Amino acid sequence: MEHMDAIITRLSEIEAAAVKISEDAAQQKKEIEKEYREKTTAFNEELEKNMKERLESLREELQKKAERELAQLRRETEGYLDSMEKEYEKDHEKIARGLLEKMTGE
């Protein structure tokens, strides 16, 4: 009988150890899941931050490029208008006579 009690006691200890292992595994799983969620959240936040910074940088680059191109276009337009004005000042009578001849058919 004593032998049987020892076996039952040992089986009870094994079962208790198995339950403890199972509980520890469940707790460890919860901790790993929590750590995974935290790392995923941190990664997503960092990714979003980097994307926002990159988009802002690209927006600034495009804005500067557009401003440079607009300034260049203004310079070219002003140069063209100045050239036309000088040509008109120089030859306005000749231009007016030519237009009058075309309009009158002479």
C-alpha atoms as a PDB file:
ATOM      1  CA  MET A   1       0.000   0.000   0.000  1.00  0.00           C
ATOM      2  CA  GLU A   2       2.809   2.293   0.803  1.00  0.00           C
ATOM      3  CA  HIS A   3       4.162   1.747  -2.652  1.00  0.00           C
ATOM      4  CA  MET A   4       0.774   2.667  -4.128  1.00  0.00           C
ATOM      5  CA  ASP A   5       0.641   5.849  -2.045  1.00  0.00           C
ATOM      6  CA  ALA A   6       4.096   6.808  -3.283  1.00  0.00           C
ATOM      7  CA  ILE A   7       3.004   6.261  -6.892  1.00  0.00           C
ATOM      8  CA  ILE A   8      -0.154   8.337  -6.368  1.00  0.00           C
ATOM      9  CA  THR A   9       1.865  11.058  -4.673  1.00  0.00           C
ATOM     10  CA  ARG A  10       4.362  11.024  -7.536  1.00  0.00           C
ATOM     11  CA  LEU A  11       1.575  11.150 -10.143  1.00  0.00           C
ATOM     12  CA  SER A  12       0.009  14.038  -8.235  1.00  0.00           C
ATOM     13  CA  GLU A  13       3.366  15.859  -8.241  1.00  0.00           C
ATOM     14  CA  ILE A  14       3.771  15.211 -11.972  1.00  0.00           C
ATOM     15  CA  GLU A  15       0.252  16.518 -12.644  1.00  0.00           C
ATOM     16  CA  ALA A  16       0.920  19.605 -10.512  1.00  0.00           C
ATOM     17  CA  ALA A  17       4.175  20.171 -12.390  1.00  0.00           C
ATOM     18  CA  ALA A  18       2.363  19.738 -15.720  1.00  0.00           C
ATOM     19  CA  VAL A  19      -0.306  22.244 -14.664  1.00  0.00           C
ATOM     20  CA  LYS A  20       2.420  24.672 -13.549  1.00  0.00           C
ATOM     21  CA  ILE A  21       4.258  24.234 -16.864  1.00  0.00           C
ATOM     22  CA  SER A  22       1.015  24.811 -18.761  1.00  0.00           C
ATOM     23  CA  GLU A  23       0.214  27.941 -16.723  1.00  0.00           C
ATOM     24  CA  ASP A  24       3.756  29.246 -17.169  1.00  0.00           C
ATOM     25  CA  ALA A  25       3.537  28.589 -20.910  1.00  0.00           C
ATOM     26  CA  ALA A  26       0.210  30.444 -21.102  1.00  0.00           C
ATOM     27  CA  GLN A  27       1.680  33.381 -19.162  1.00  0.00           C
ATOM     28  CA  GLN A  28       4.784  33.395 -21.351  1.00  0.00           C
ATOM     29  CA  LYS A  29       2.580  33.323 -24.448  1.00  0.00           C
ATOM     30  CA  LYS A  30       0.658  36.372 -23.142  1.00  0.00           C
ATOM     31  CA  GLU A  31       3.917  38.194 -22.473  1.00  0.00           C
ATOM     32  CA  ILE A  32       5.258  37.358 -25.932  1.00  0.00           C
ATOM     33  CA  GLU A  33       1.974  38.516 -27.530  1.00  0.00           C
ATOM     34  CA  LYS A  34       2.129  41.776 -25.544  1.00  0.00           C
ATOM     35  CA  GLU A  35       5.761  42.325 -26.554  1.00  0.00           C
ATOM     36  CA  TYR A  36       4.883  41.591 -30.189  1.00  0.00           C
ATOM     37  CA  ARG A  37       1.994  44.096 -30.092  1.00  0.00           C
ATOM     38  CA  GLU A  38       4.240  46.734 -28.512  1.00  0.00           C
ATOM     39  CA  LYS A  39       6.987  46.176 -31.082  1.00  0.00           C
ATOM     40  CA  THR A  40       4.459  46.226 -33.923  1.00  0.00           C
ATOM     41  CA  THR A  41       2.952  49.460 -32.623  1.00  0.00           C
ATOM     42  CA  ALA A  42       6.390  51.042 -32.210  1.00  0.00           C
ATOM     43  CA  PHE A  43       7.387  49.922 -35.710  1.00  0.00           C
ATOM     44  CA  ASN A  44       4.182  51.318 -37.227  1.00  0.00           C
ATOM     45  CA  GLU A  45       4.611  54.610 -35.395  1.00  0.00           C
ATOM     46  CA  GLU A  46       8.227  54.917 -36.543  1.00  0.00           C
ATOM     47  CA  LEU A  47       7.235  54.032 -40.098  1.00  0.00           C
ATOM     48  CA  GLU A  48       4.461  56.631 -40.074  1.00  0.00           C
ATOM     49  CA  LYS A  49       6.835  59.259 -38.660  1.00  0.00           C
ATOM     50  CA  ASN A  50       9.414  58.492 -41.361  1.00  0.00           C
ATOM     51  CA  MET A  51       6.758  58.613 -44.077  1.00  0.00           C
ATOM     52  CA  LYS A  52       5.489  61.989 -42.847  1.00  0.00           C
ATOM     53  CA  GLU A  53       9.026  63.366 -42.747  1.00  0.00           C
ATOM     54  CA  ARG A  54       9.760  62.071 -46.241  1.00  0.00           C
ATOM     55  CA  LEU A  55       6.493  63.431 -47.630  1.00  0.00           C
ATOM     56  CA  GLU A  56       7.174  66.823 -46.043  1.00  0.00           C
ATOM     57  CA  SER A  57      10.670  66.820 -47.502  1.00  0.00           C
ATOM     58  CA  LEU A  58       9.325  65.960 -50.961  1.00  0.00           C
ATOM     59  CA  ARG A  59       6.636  68.632 -50.663  1.00  0.00           C
ATOM     60  CA  GLU A  60       9.282  71.224 -49.763  1.00  0.00           C
ATOM     61  CA  GLU A  61      11.507  70.128 -52.657  1.00  0.00           C
ATOM     62  CA  LEU A  62       8.596  70.360 -55.100  1.00  0.00           C
ATOM     63  CA  GLN A  63       7.597  73.766 -53.720  1.00  0.00           C
ATOM     64  CA  LYS A  64      11.153  75.087 -54.146  1.00  0.00           C
ATOM     65  CA  LYS A  65      11.375  73.646 -57.660  1.00  0.00           C
ATOM     66  CA  ALA A  66       8.047  75.233 -58.616  1.00  0.00           C
ATOM     67  CA  GLU A  67       9.204  78.580 -57.210  1.00  0.00           C
ATOM     68  CA  ARG A  68      12.476  78.387 -59.164  1.00  0.00           C
ATOM     69  CA  GLU A  69      10.663  77.498 -62.374  1.00  0.00           C
ATOM     70  CA  LEU A  70       8.135  80.279 -61.839  1.00  0.00           C
ATOM     71  CA  ALA A  71      10.926  82.805 -61.209  1.00  0.00           C
ATOM     72  CA  GLN A  72      12.684  81.636 -64.385  1.00  0.00           C
ATOM     73  CA  LEU A  73       9.456  81.946 -66.357  1.00  0.00           C
ATOM     74  CA  ARG A  74       8.936  85.475 -65.001  1.00  0.00           C
ATOM     75  CA  ARG A  75      12.481  86.464 -66.023  1.00  0.00           C
ATOM     76  CA  GLU A  76      11.985  85.024 -69.497  1.00  0.00           C
ATOM     77  CA  THR A  77       8.595  86.740 -69.874  1.00  0.00           C
ATOM     78  CA  GLU A  78       9.960  90.070 -68.661  1.00  0.00           C
ATOM     79  CA  GLY A  79      12.878  89.733 -71.070  1.00  0.00           C
ATOM     80  CA  TYR A  80      10.529  88.940 -73.935  1.00  0.00           C
ATOM     81  CA  LEU A  81       8.238  91.868 -73.061  1.00  0.00           C
ATOM     82  CA  ASP A  82      11.213  94.221 -72.731  1.00  0.00           C
ATOM     83  CA  SER A  83      12.473  93.059 -76.113  1.00  0.00           C
ATOM     84  CA  MET A  84       9.058  93.614 -77.692  1.00  0.00           C
ATOM     85  CA  GLU A  85       8.763  97.042 -76.093  1.00  0.00           C
ATOM     86  CA  LYS A  86      12.203  98.076 -77.342  1.00  0.00           C
ATOM     87  CA  GLU A  87      11.384  96.835 -80.812  1.00  0.00           C
ATOM     88  CA  TYR A  88       8.093  98.736 -80.743  1.00  0.00           C
ATOM     89  CA  GLU A  89       9.809 101.920 -79.458  1.00  0.00           C
ATOM     90  CA  LYS A  90      12.404 101.633 -82.210  1.00  0.00           C
ATOM     91  CA  ASP A  91      10.087 100.770 -85.086  1.00  0.00           C
ATOM     92  CA  HIS A  92       6.599 101.824 -83.971  1.00  0.00           C
ATOM     93  CA  GLU A  93       6.054 104.181 -86.876  1.00  0.00           C
ATOM     94  CA  LYS A  94       7.185 101.555 -89.350  1.00  0.00           C
ATOM     95  CA  ILE A  95       4.935  98.935 -87.673  1.00  0.00           C
ATOM     96  CA  ALA A  96       1.960 101.346 -87.653  1.00  0.00           C
ATOM     97  CA  ARG A  97       2.504 102.183 -91.351  1.00  0.00           C
ATOM     98  CA  GLY A  98       2.686  98.503 -92.231  1.00  0.00           C
ATOM     99  CA  LEU A  99      -0.538  97.772 -90.354  1.00  0.00           C
ATOM    100  CA  LEU A 100      -2.284 100.718 -92.006  1.00  0.00           C
ATOM    101  CA  GLU A 101      -1.162  99.526 -95.429  1.00  0.00           C
ATOM    102  CA  LYS A 102      -2.491  96.035 -94.736  1.00  0.00           C
ATOM    103  CA  MET A 103      -5.788  97.401 -93.487  1.00  0.00           C
ATOM    104  CA  THR A 104      -6.228  99.831 -96.390  1.00  0.00           C
ATOM    105  CA  GLY A 105      -4.884  97.468 -99.004  1.00  0.00           C
ATOM    106  CA  GLU A 106      -2.163  99.802-100.265  1.00  0.00           C
END
